[in-house]
């Protein structure tokens, strides 16, 4: 590092894709900072330009390629800059990309990103064409690995496992990330304690399959045991579960979620479809009746639970009858938050070569119909919250200078927000508020003190002398 100029030591990174990829990017930034690199938000000032890519579906691949090409323009203007591509796209397509993107200096796969500083040091001199570092499917960081947060100080993601053991026909993730590997509970607790000491109030647990956490370790490690340990950490106020595959949601786990104040009554659980024919074709492990029983069980043990799920429309062979079943189910299930994906034909997946691929215009039409119905459900759900008392995590200020935040039923980035009218507080503080109105997917709220004032006025009127 002594022979590098300040610009050569400066790194600009773009993180794309899911929160799991975001954590990998934060770890790379931490490793680089430990070796003396500085971080910048201006690509013009950076000597190292990095894109941490996603390749889950076609739209993600296109976004990754476009971002790489945008940063390559900065390199054209200053050839001494180095362009580094990391993440899922690098893991999956490094050989093809080496030929099509000669402006990239280095490709680093998902199994090599912990070596990022070593790799950058090896690439000090100009070589003929890009170099690829693509090894094992994944590596796991631990509590000793440095990490620089790119989220707000009060919230973060805690990656508890990597990889996936399921064989869903539409998904390429197991081929990119490998089989499930869970981190030890003590390592996660130590990392969470460090995060809490830095001011984190909200832990969002992530993995490819959260509910399968620890089972491959065969030492008694489970998601329930982890939640019990994390709930004892001072400073952590909210723990949210994201990416829960609909397996292993047993009674003890559901009861703990319901009873432990720190664990949000919120489950993100991708269901993908409800038609038995489609679920079999997708190689999912539950049929339609099993999904319905699961939702009933969850709502029985966790009254008022907020559910998020995702569905795929236009999977190969999906008929109008299958889609109508899904549309009817969405109206029946009344799920709080729904993401709808148009099926993306991916090479290397079991579904990629299936016959009866659905035309794009049909996928689009079904997407619109499903989203239209879900919009109505969200409005009814939100209207039902008006008048209720809610804890609101203050997240910042809007363009009008008002505070805004999120309730327990709103995960960061993917759900709605709460506009906090007439509220006073600090960012990162959790305030008691009363939901006062609905604005699309978002809510409005006022301090509880306003209700207290109204009640006081009513009492005064009652006791006025006749």
Protein backbone atom coordinates (compact mmCIF):
# COMPACT_ATOMS: atom_id res chain seq x y z
CA UNK A 1 0.00 0.00 0.00
CA UNK A 2 2.95 2.36 0.52
CA UNK A 3 3.55 2.65 -3.24
CA UNK A 4 -0.07 3.49 -4.07
CA UNK A 5 -1.34 7.02 -4.54
CA UNK A 6 -4.33 8.27 -2.51
CA UNK A 7 -6.59 7.73 -5.53
CA UNK A 8 -5.32 4.19 -6.06
CA UNK A 9 -6.15 3.45 -2.43
CA UNK A 10 -9.71 4.78 -2.80
CA UNK A 11 -12.63 2.37 -3.43
CA UNK A 12 -16.09 3.02 -4.85
CA UNK A 13 -18.57 0.13 -4.62
CA UNK A 14 -22.05 -0.47 -6.01
CA UNK A 15 -23.99 -3.26 -4.23
CA UNK A 16 -26.75 -4.91 -6.26
CA UNK A 17 -29.27 -7.62 -5.48
CA UNK A 18 -30.51 -8.99 -2.19
CA UNK A 19 -29.51 -8.14 1.40
CA UNK A 20 -27.42 -11.33 1.50
CA UNK A 21 -25.29 -9.89 -1.28
CA UNK A 22 -25.26 -6.56 0.55
CA UNK A 23 -23.66 -8.20 3.58
CA UNK A 24 -20.95 -9.72 1.36
CA UNK A 25 -20.25 -6.24 0.01
CA UNK A 26 -20.04 -4.78 3.50
CA UNK A 27 -17.55 -7.48 4.46
CA UNK A 28 -15.40 -6.70 1.42
CA UNK A 29 -15.42 -3.01 2.34
CA UNK A 30 -14.37 -3.92 5.87
CA UNK A 31 -11.50 -6.07 4.64
CA UNK A 32 -10.31 -3.34 2.28
CA UNK A 33 -10.51 -0.66 4.98
CA UNK A 34 -8.46 -2.83 7.32
CA UNK A 35 -5.68 -2.94 4.73
CA UNK A 36 -5.61 0.85 4.37
CA UNK A 37 -8.01 1.46 1.50
CA UNK A 38 -10.32 4.43 1.84
CA UNK A 39 -13.95 4.49 0.74
CA UNK A 40 -15.59 7.12 -1.43
CA UNK A 41 -19.08 7.83 -2.72
CA UNK A 42 -17.69 9.45 -5.89
CA UNK A 43 -16.50 7.12 -8.68
CA UNK A 44 -14.47 10.00 -10.15
CA UNK A 45 -12.32 10.02 -7.00
CA UNK A 46 -11.83 6.24 -6.81
CA UNK A 47 -8.93 4.21 -8.07
CA UNK A 48 -10.84 0.97 -7.56
CA UNK A 49 -14.35 0.65 -8.99
CA UNK A 50 -16.31 -2.35 -7.72
CA UNK A 51 -19.68 -3.84 -8.69
CA UNK A 52 -21.05 -6.55 -6.39
CA UNK A 53 -23.47 -8.23 -8.78
CA UNK A 54 -26.67 -10.29 -8.78
CA UNK A 55 -27.70 -12.86 -11.40
CA UNK A 56 -30.88 -14.35 -9.94
CA UNK A 57 -33.15 -13.40 -12.84
CA UNK A 58 -32.73 -11.70 -16.22
CA UNK A 59 -33.61 -8.24 -14.89
CA UNK A 60 -30.91 -8.57 -12.22
CA UNK A 61 -28.34 -9.67 -14.80
CA UNK A 62 -29.21 -6.72 -17.04
CA UNK A 63 -28.88 -4.30 -14.13
CA UNK A 64 -25.49 -5.78 -13.24
CA UNK A 65 -24.18 -5.52 -16.82
CA UNK A 66 -25.46 -1.96 -17.21
CA UNK A 67 -23.79 -0.92 -13.95
CA UNK A 68 -20.50 -2.49 -15.03
CA UNK A 69 -20.64 -0.61 -18.34
CA UNK A 70 -21.44 2.68 -16.57
CA UNK A 71 -18.39 2.33 -14.32
CA UNK A 72 -16.29 1.26 -17.30
CA UNK A 73 -16.85 4.77 -18.71
CA UNK A 74 -14.99 6.21 -15.72
CA UNK A 75 -12.14 3.83 -16.47
CA UNK A 76 -11.99 4.99 -20.10
CA UNK A 77 -11.39 8.51 -18.88
CA UNK A 78 -8.73 7.35 -16.40
CA UNK A 79 -7.15 4.05 -17.56
CA UNK A 80 -5.24 3.67 -14.29
CA UNK A 81 -8.51 2.89 -12.49
CA UNK A 82 -9.26 -0.79 -11.87
CA UNK A 83 -12.70 -2.27 -12.44
CA UNK A 84 -13.58 -5.23 -10.21
CA UNK A 85 -16.72 -7.37 -10.63
CA UNK A 86 -17.73 -9.56 -7.69
CA UNK A 87 -20.75 -11.57 -6.58
CA UNK A 88 -23.17 -13.97 -8.24
CA UNK A 89 -22.69 -12.81 -11.84
CA UNK A 90 -18.93 -13.26 -11.52
CA UNK A 91 -19.40 -16.71 -9.99
CA UNK A 92 -21.84 -17.84 -12.65
CA UNK A 93 -20.50 -16.31 -15.86
CA UNK A 94 -16.85 -15.40 -15.32
CA UNK A 95 -15.59 -17.20 -18.45
CA UNK A 96 -18.22 -15.65 -20.72
CA UNK A 97 -17.76 -12.22 -19.18
CA UNK A 98 -14.00 -12.29 -19.62
CA UNK A 99 -14.59 -12.39 -23.37
CA UNK A 100 -17.45 -9.88 -23.52
CA UNK A 101 -16.18 -7.37 -20.94
CA UNK A 102 -12.43 -6.91 -21.53
CA UNK A 103 -12.60 -3.56 -19.68
CA UNK A 104 -13.01 -5.47 -16.39
CA UNK A 105 -9.72 -6.18 -14.61
CA UNK A 106 -10.80 -8.86 -12.15
CA UNK A 107 -13.80 -11.14 -11.60
CA UNK A 108 -14.19 -12.42 -8.02
CA UNK A 109 -16.74 -15.16 -7.32
CA UNK A 110 -18.85 -15.76 -4.23
CA UNK A 111 -16.33 -18.26 -2.89
CA UNK A 112 -13.36 -15.91 -3.10
CA UNK A 113 -14.55 -12.52 -1.83
CA UNK A 114 -12.82 -12.90 1.56
CA UNK A 115 -9.54 -12.74 -0.42
CA UNK A 116 -10.42 -9.39 -1.99
CA UNK A 117 -7.43 -7.46 -0.63
CA UNK A 118 -4.99 -10.20 -1.62
CA UNK A 119 -6.53 -10.33 -5.10
CA UNK A 120 -6.27 -6.56 -5.57
CA UNK A 121 -2.63 -6.63 -4.54
CA UNK A 122 -1.93 -9.39 -7.07
CA UNK A 123 -3.50 -7.25 -9.81
CA UNK A 124 -1.16 -4.30 -9.28
CA UNK A 125 0.26 -4.46 -12.81
CA UNK A 126 -1.70 -4.43 -16.06
CA UNK A 127 -2.27 -7.89 -17.53
CA UNK A 128 -3.68 -9.04 -20.86
CA UNK A 129 -7.39 -9.26 -20.27
CA UNK A 130 -9.43 -9.90 -17.15
CA UNK A 131 -8.45 -12.35 -14.42
CA UNK A 132 -11.00 -14.59 -12.72
CA UNK A 133 -10.98 -15.85 -9.15
CA UNK A 134 -13.83 -18.31 -8.96
CA UNK A 135 -13.46 -21.17 -6.50
CA UNK A 136 -15.89 -22.81 -4.14
CA UNK A 137 -19.55 -21.80 -4.27
CA UNK A 138 -19.42 -19.75 -1.07
CA UNK A 139 -17.46 -18.76 2.00
CA UNK A 140 -18.82 -17.65 5.38
CA UNK A 141 -17.53 -14.70 7.32
CA UNK A 142 -17.60 -14.78 11.13
CA UNK A 143 -17.64 -12.35 14.04
CA UNK A 144 -13.92 -11.61 13.60
CA UNK A 145 -14.31 -10.49 9.99
CA UNK A 146 -14.38 -6.70 9.61
CA UNK A 147 -17.53 -5.23 8.10
CA UNK A 148 -18.50 -1.67 7.20
CA UNK A 149 -22.22 -1.02 7.37
CA UNK A 150 -23.87 0.63 4.38
CA UNK A 151 -27.31 0.70 6.00
CA UNK A 152 -28.52 3.28 8.51
CA UNK A 153 -26.83 2.96 11.90
CA UNK A 154 -29.95 1.71 13.69
CA UNK A 155 -30.69 -1.27 11.41
CA UNK A 156 -28.70 -4.05 9.81
CA UNK A 157 -28.85 -7.52 8.31
CA UNK A 158 -27.38 -10.51 10.10
CA UNK A 159 -26.51 -13.32 7.69
CA UNK A 160 -26.88 -16.54 9.66
CA UNK A 161 -26.27 -19.10 6.89
CA UNK A 162 -25.27 -19.41 3.26
CA UNK A 163 -26.37 -21.75 0.48
CA UNK A 164 -29.54 -23.79 0.03
CA UNK A 165 -30.45 -27.49 0.03
CA UNK A 166 -33.73 -27.14 -1.89
CA UNK A 167 -34.05 -27.98 -5.58
CA UNK A 168 -36.67 -25.55 -6.79
CA UNK A 169 -36.94 -25.84 -10.56
CA UNK A 170 -36.78 -22.08 -11.22
CA UNK A 171 -33.82 -21.25 -8.97
CA UNK A 172 -30.11 -21.10 -9.79
CA UNK A 173 -28.97 -20.12 -6.28
CA UNK A 174 -27.81 -23.61 -5.10
CA UNK A 175 -25.54 -23.82 -8.17
CA UNK A 176 -24.10 -20.39 -7.44
CA UNK A 177 -24.01 -20.44 -3.64
CA UNK A 178 -23.81 -24.18 -2.90
CA UNK A 179 -25.44 -26.21 -0.15
CA UNK A 180 -26.55 -24.79 3.19
CA UNK A 181 -23.89 -23.95 5.77
CA UNK A 182 -24.89 -22.31 9.04
CA UNK A 183 -22.81 -20.11 11.28
CA UNK A 184 -22.41 -21.11 14.95
CA UNK A 185 -24.72 -19.43 17.44
CA UNK A 186 -21.88 -18.02 19.52
CA UNK A 187 -20.35 -16.31 16.48
CA UNK A 188 -23.69 -14.73 15.57
CA UNK A 189 -24.32 -13.59 19.13
CA UNK A 190 -20.88 -11.99 19.32
CA UNK A 191 -21.45 -10.15 16.04
CA UNK A 192 -24.91 -9.03 17.17
CA UNK A 193 -23.49 -7.74 20.47
CA UNK A 194 -20.94 -5.70 18.53
CA UNK A 195 -23.66 -4.31 16.30
CA UNK A 196 -25.80 -3.41 19.32
CA UNK A 197 -22.85 -1.58 20.87
CA UNK A 198 -22.62 0.45 17.65
CA UNK A 199 -26.25 1.56 17.98
CA UNK A 200 -28.15 -1.08 16.00
CA UNK A 201 -31.73 -1.44 17.25
CA UNK A 202 -33.12 -3.71 14.52
CA UNK A 203 -31.66 -7.05 13.41
CA UNK A 204 -33.03 -8.50 10.19
CA UNK A 205 -32.03 -12.17 10.01
CA UNK A 206 -31.27 -13.41 6.50
CA UNK A 207 -30.29 -16.65 4.78
CA UNK A 208 -31.39 -18.53 1.67
CA UNK A 209 -33.50 -20.69 4.00
CA UNK A 210 -33.82 -19.19 7.46
CA UNK A 211 -35.97 -21.92 8.98
CA UNK A 212 -33.44 -24.63 8.08
CA UNK A 213 -30.74 -22.77 10.03
CA UNK A 214 -28.42 -25.11 11.93
CA UNK A 215 -30.00 -28.39 10.94
CA UNK A 216 -27.05 -29.55 8.82
CA UNK A 217 -24.74 -29.02 11.81
CA UNK A 218 -26.44 -31.88 13.68
CA UNK A 219 -25.44 -30.43 17.07
CA UNK A 220 -28.79 -29.11 18.23
CA UNK A 221 -28.41 -25.73 16.55
CA UNK A 222 -31.80 -24.38 15.47
CA UNK A 223 -33.41 -21.08 14.62
CA UNK A 224 -35.32 -21.22 17.92
CA UNK A 225 -32.09 -21.58 19.90
CA UNK A 226 -30.56 -18.67 18.00
CA UNK A 227 -33.59 -16.44 18.62
CA UNK A 228 -33.45 -17.19 22.33
CA UNK A 229 -29.80 -16.15 22.42
CA UNK A 230 -30.24 -12.99 20.34
CA UNK A 231 -33.25 -11.89 22.40
CA UNK A 232 -31.04 -11.60 25.48
CA UNK A 233 -28.78 -8.96 23.91
CA UNK A 234 -29.14 -5.51 25.46
CA UNK A 235 -29.83 -2.75 22.96
CA UNK A 236 -31.50 -4.90 20.32
CA UNK A 237 -35.19 -3.98 20.24
CA UNK A 238 -36.51 -5.66 17.09
CA UNK A 239 -35.56 -8.98 15.48
CA UNK A 240 -37.20 -9.73 12.14
CA UNK A 241 -37.20 -13.01 10.19
CA UNK A 242 -36.68 -12.79 6.44
CA UNK A 243 -36.57 -15.60 3.86
CA UNK A 244 -38.35 -18.32 5.86
CA UNK A 245 -38.85 -21.35 3.61
CA UNK A 246 -42.24 -22.84 4.61
CA UNK A 247 -40.67 -25.79 6.43
CA UNK A 248 -39.82 -26.28 10.11
CA UNK A 249 -42.24 -23.60 11.31
CA UNK A 250 -43.22 -25.77 14.24
CA UNK A 251 -45.21 -24.96 17.36
CA UNK A 252 -42.25 -24.12 19.69
CA UNK A 253 -40.82 -21.66 17.17
CA UNK A 254 -44.17 -20.01 16.48
CA UNK A 255 -44.94 -19.72 20.20
CA UNK A 256 -41.60 -18.07 20.86
CA UNK A 257 -42.17 -15.54 18.08
CA UNK A 258 -45.56 -14.73 19.60
CA UNK A 259 -44.30 -14.46 23.19
CA UNK A 260 -40.89 -12.80 22.84
CA UNK A 261 -41.33 -9.03 22.70
CA UNK A 262 -38.13 -8.45 20.74
CA UNK A 263 -39.07 -10.78 17.89
CA UNK A 264 -41.37 -9.01 15.46
CA UNK A 265 -44.58 -10.85 14.61
CA UNK A 266 -43.49 -10.76 10.99
CA UNK A 267 -42.68 -13.67 8.69
CA UNK A 268 -41.31 -13.40 5.17
CA UNK A 269 -42.17 -16.76 3.61
CA UNK A 270 -42.01 -17.28 -0.19
CA UNK A 271 -44.93 -19.51 -1.30
CA UNK A 272 -44.50 -19.10 -5.10
CA UNK A 273 -47.91 -20.54 -6.09
CA UNK A 274 -51.01 -22.35 -4.83
CA UNK A 275 -51.90 -24.62 -7.76
CA UNK A 276 -50.81 -28.17 -6.95
CA UNK A 277 -49.83 -28.70 -10.58
CA UNK A 278 -47.60 -25.63 -10.56
CA UNK A 279 -46.09 -26.41 -7.16
CA UNK A 280 -45.13 -29.90 -8.36
CA UNK A 281 -43.62 -28.46 -11.54
CA UNK A 282 -41.68 -25.95 -9.44
CA UNK A 283 -40.43 -28.80 -7.21
CA UNK A 284 -41.79 -27.16 -4.11
CA UNK A 285 -42.22 -29.29 -1.00
CA UNK A 286 -45.74 -28.29 -0.01
CA UNK A 287 -48.99 -28.53 -1.94
CA UNK A 288 -51.83 -26.04 -1.88
CA UNK A 289 -53.64 -27.66 1.06
CA UNK A 290 -50.38 -27.79 3.02
CA UNK A 291 -49.84 -24.09 2.44
CA UNK A 292 -53.34 -23.27 3.65
CA UNK A 293 -52.88 -25.37 6.80
CA UNK A 294 -49.54 -23.69 7.43
CA UNK A 295 -51.05 -20.20 7.21
CA UNK A 296 -53.83 -21.24 9.56
CA UNK A 297 -51.31 -22.63 12.05
CA UNK A 298 -49.16 -19.50 11.91
CA UNK A 299 -52.12 -17.21 12.50
CA UNK A 300 -53.38 -19.41 15.33
CA UNK A 301 -50.12 -19.25 17.25
CA UNK A 302 -49.21 -15.65 16.31
CA UNK A 303 -52.39 -13.52 16.38
CA UNK A 304 -51.96 -10.40 14.30
CA UNK A 305 -48.89 -11.75 12.49
CA UNK A 306 -47.77 -9.74 9.45
CA UNK A 307 -47.00 -11.99 6.50
CA UNK A 308 -44.92 -11.27 3.42
CA UNK A 309 -44.66 -13.68 0.52
CA UNK A 310 -43.72 -13.88 -3.15
CA UNK A 311 -45.44 -15.54 -6.09
CA UNK A 312 -44.30 -16.43 -9.60
CA UNK A 313 -46.63 -15.92 -12.54
CA UNK A 314 -46.02 -17.35 -16.00
CA UNK A 315 -44.08 -20.44 -14.90
CA UNK A 316 -43.81 -22.91 -17.84
CA UNK A 317 -47.12 -24.65 -18.41
CA UNK A 318 -49.14 -22.27 -16.22
CA UNK A 319 -52.69 -22.28 -17.56
CA UNK A 320 -55.38 -19.69 -16.92
CA UNK A 321 -56.97 -22.15 -14.48
CA UNK A 322 -53.73 -22.33 -12.45
CA UNK A 323 -53.45 -18.56 -12.39
CA UNK A 324 -57.10 -18.19 -11.39
CA UNK A 325 -56.43 -20.49 -8.43
CA UNK A 326 -53.59 -18.19 -7.41
CA UNK A 327 -55.72 -15.10 -7.86
CA UNK A 328 -58.50 -16.62 -5.74
CA UNK A 329 -55.99 -17.66 -3.08
CA UNK A 330 -54.55 -14.15 -2.79
CA UNK A 331 -58.06 -12.86 -2.14
CA UNK A 332 -58.70 -15.68 0.35
CA UNK A 333 -55.40 -15.53 2.26
CA UNK A 334 -55.31 -11.73 2.70
CA UNK A 335 -51.51 -11.64 3.03
CA UNK A 336 -50.12 -8.27 4.12
CA UNK A 337 -47.22 -7.86 1.70
CA UNK A 338 -46.88 -9.66 -1.65
CA UNK A 339 -44.12 -9.53 -4.23
CA UNK A 340 -44.98 -10.88 -7.69
CA UNK A 341 -42.28 -12.07 -10.10
CA UNK A 342 -42.73 -12.76 -13.77
CA UNK A 343 -41.02 -16.09 -14.44
CA UNK A 344 -37.50 -15.68 -15.78
CA UNK A 345 -36.19 -18.53 -17.96
CA UNK A 346 -32.74 -19.26 -16.56
CA UNK A 347 -30.16 -21.52 -18.14
CA UNK A 348 -28.86 -24.16 -15.76
CA UNK A 349 -32.19 -24.55 -13.96
CA UNK A 350 -34.58 -27.48 -14.26
CA UNK A 351 -37.31 -25.17 -15.54
CA UNK A 352 -35.10 -23.53 -18.14
CA UNK A 353 -35.65 -26.31 -20.67
CA UNK A 354 -39.29 -27.07 -19.91
CA UNK A 355 -41.77 -26.93 -22.77
CA UNK A 356 -44.81 -24.65 -22.81
CA UNK A 357 -42.97 -21.47 -21.90
CA UNK A 358 -45.53 -18.72 -21.27
CA UNK A 359 -45.42 -15.69 -23.63
CA UNK A 360 -44.11 -12.49 -22.08
CA UNK A 361 -47.33 -10.59 -22.75
CA UNK A 362 -49.30 -13.23 -20.82
CA UNK A 363 -46.88 -13.01 -17.89
CA UNK A 364 -47.25 -9.24 -17.88
CA UNK A 365 -51.06 -9.38 -18.00
CA UNK A 366 -51.22 -11.86 -15.12
CA UNK A 367 -48.74 -9.78 -13.10
CA UNK A 368 -50.98 -6.73 -13.48
CA UNK A 369 -54.12 -8.62 -12.46
CA UNK A 370 -52.49 -10.07 -9.36
CA UNK A 371 -50.93 -6.77 -8.31
CA UNK A 372 -54.24 -4.96 -8.80
CA UNK A 373 -55.95 -7.37 -6.44
CA UNK A 374 -53.15 -7.17 -3.89
CA UNK A 375 -53.26 -3.37 -3.94
CA UNK A 376 -56.86 -3.52 -2.77
CA UNK A 377 -55.92 -5.97 0.00
CA UNK A 378 -53.08 -3.73 1.19
CA UNK A 379 -55.43 -0.76 1.37
CA UNK A 380 -57.95 -2.72 3.46
CA UNK A 381 -55.18 -3.97 5.72
CA UNK A 382 -53.79 -0.48 6.19
CA UNK A 383 -57.21 1.04 6.86
CA UNK A 384 -57.72 -1.55 9.59
CA UNK A 385 -54.63 -0.10 11.33
CA UNK A 386 -56.08 3.41 11.58
CA UNK A 387 -56.60 4.26 15.23
CA UNK A 388 -54.23 1.58 16.49
CA UNK A 389 -51.21 2.28 18.70
CA UNK A 390 -47.91 1.23 17.11
CA UNK A 391 -44.23 1.44 17.89
CA UNK A 392 -42.46 3.39 15.13
CA UNK A 393 -38.73 3.22 14.51
CA UNK A 394 -37.62 6.69 13.42
CA UNK A 395 -35.69 6.36 10.17
CA UNK A 396 -35.12 9.91 8.98
CA UNK A 397 -36.69 13.08 7.58
CA UNK A 398 -38.78 13.43 4.44
CA UNK A 399 -38.64 16.28 1.91
CA UNK A 400 -41.01 18.34 4.09
CA UNK A 401 -38.79 17.99 7.14
CA UNK A 402 -41.12 15.54 8.89
CA UNK A 403 -39.88 12.43 10.59
CA UNK A 404 -40.64 9.14 8.91
CA UNK A 405 -40.23 5.60 10.16
CA UNK A 406 -41.45 2.03 10.11
CA UNK A 407 -43.65 -0.12 12.34
CA UNK A 408 -42.81 -3.71 13.24
CA UNK A 409 -44.84 -4.89 10.27
CA UNK A 410 -42.71 -2.99 7.76
CA UNK A 411 -39.34 -4.42 6.77
CA UNK A 412 -36.68 -2.01 5.46
CA UNK A 413 -36.68 -1.22 1.74
CA UNK A 414 -39.43 -3.66 0.71
CA UNK A 415 -42.54 -2.59 2.66
CA UNK A 416 -44.27 0.75 3.22
CA UNK A 417 -43.28 3.50 5.64
CA UNK A 418 -44.95 5.74 8.23
CA UNK A 419 -45.08 9.53 7.86
CA UNK A 420 -44.84 10.83 11.44
CA UNK A 421 -46.91 14.00 11.67
CA UNK A 422 -46.21 16.45 14.52
CA UNK A 423 -43.68 14.02 15.99
CA UNK A 424 -40.45 14.92 17.71
CA UNK A 425 -37.63 12.46 18.24
CA UNK A 426 -34.21 11.29 17.18
CA UNK A 427 -33.35 9.02 14.27
CA UNK A 428 -33.00 5.50 15.63
CA UNK A 429 -35.47 6.13 18.46
CA UNK A 430 -38.62 4.02 18.80
CA UNK A 431 -41.69 6.16 19.51
CA UNK A 432 -45.26 5.22 20.45
CA UNK A 433 -47.59 6.56 17.77
CA UNK A 434 -51.20 6.28 16.69
CA UNK A 435 -51.94 5.46 13.04
CA UNK A 436 -54.08 8.31 11.73
CA UNK A 437 -54.45 7.80 7.98
CA UNK A 438 -53.45 5.76 4.93
CA UNK A 439 -51.58 6.98 1.87
CA UNK A 440 -51.28 4.21 -0.72
CA UNK A 441 -48.90 1.58 0.64
CA UNK A 442 -47.79 3.96 3.40
CA UNK A 443 -49.25 5.05 6.71
CA UNK A 444 -49.50 8.31 8.62
CA UNK A 445 -49.25 8.57 12.38
CA UNK A 446 -49.47 11.12 15.17
CA UNK A 447 -48.00 11.05 18.67
CA UNK A 448 -50.16 9.41 21.30
CA UNK A 449 -50.10 12.67 23.26
CA UNK A 450 -52.55 14.10 20.71
CA UNK A 451 -55.10 11.50 21.74
CA UNK A 452 -54.45 12.27 25.37
CA UNK A 453 -55.13 15.96 24.74
CA UNK A 454 -58.40 15.12 22.96
CA UNK A 455 -59.50 12.94 25.87
CA UNK A 456 -58.65 15.70 28.35
CA UNK A 457 -60.73 18.19 26.39
CA UNK A 458 -63.67 15.80 26.34
CA UNK A 459 -63.50 15.42 30.13
CA UNK A 460 -63.41 19.18 30.59
CA UNK A 461 -66.52 19.58 28.46
CA UNK A 462 -68.37 16.97 30.45
CA UNK A 463 -67.65 18.83 33.69
CA UNK A 464 -68.57 22.32 32.53
CA UNK A 465 -71.04 23.94 34.95
CA UNK A 466 -74.63 24.06 33.71
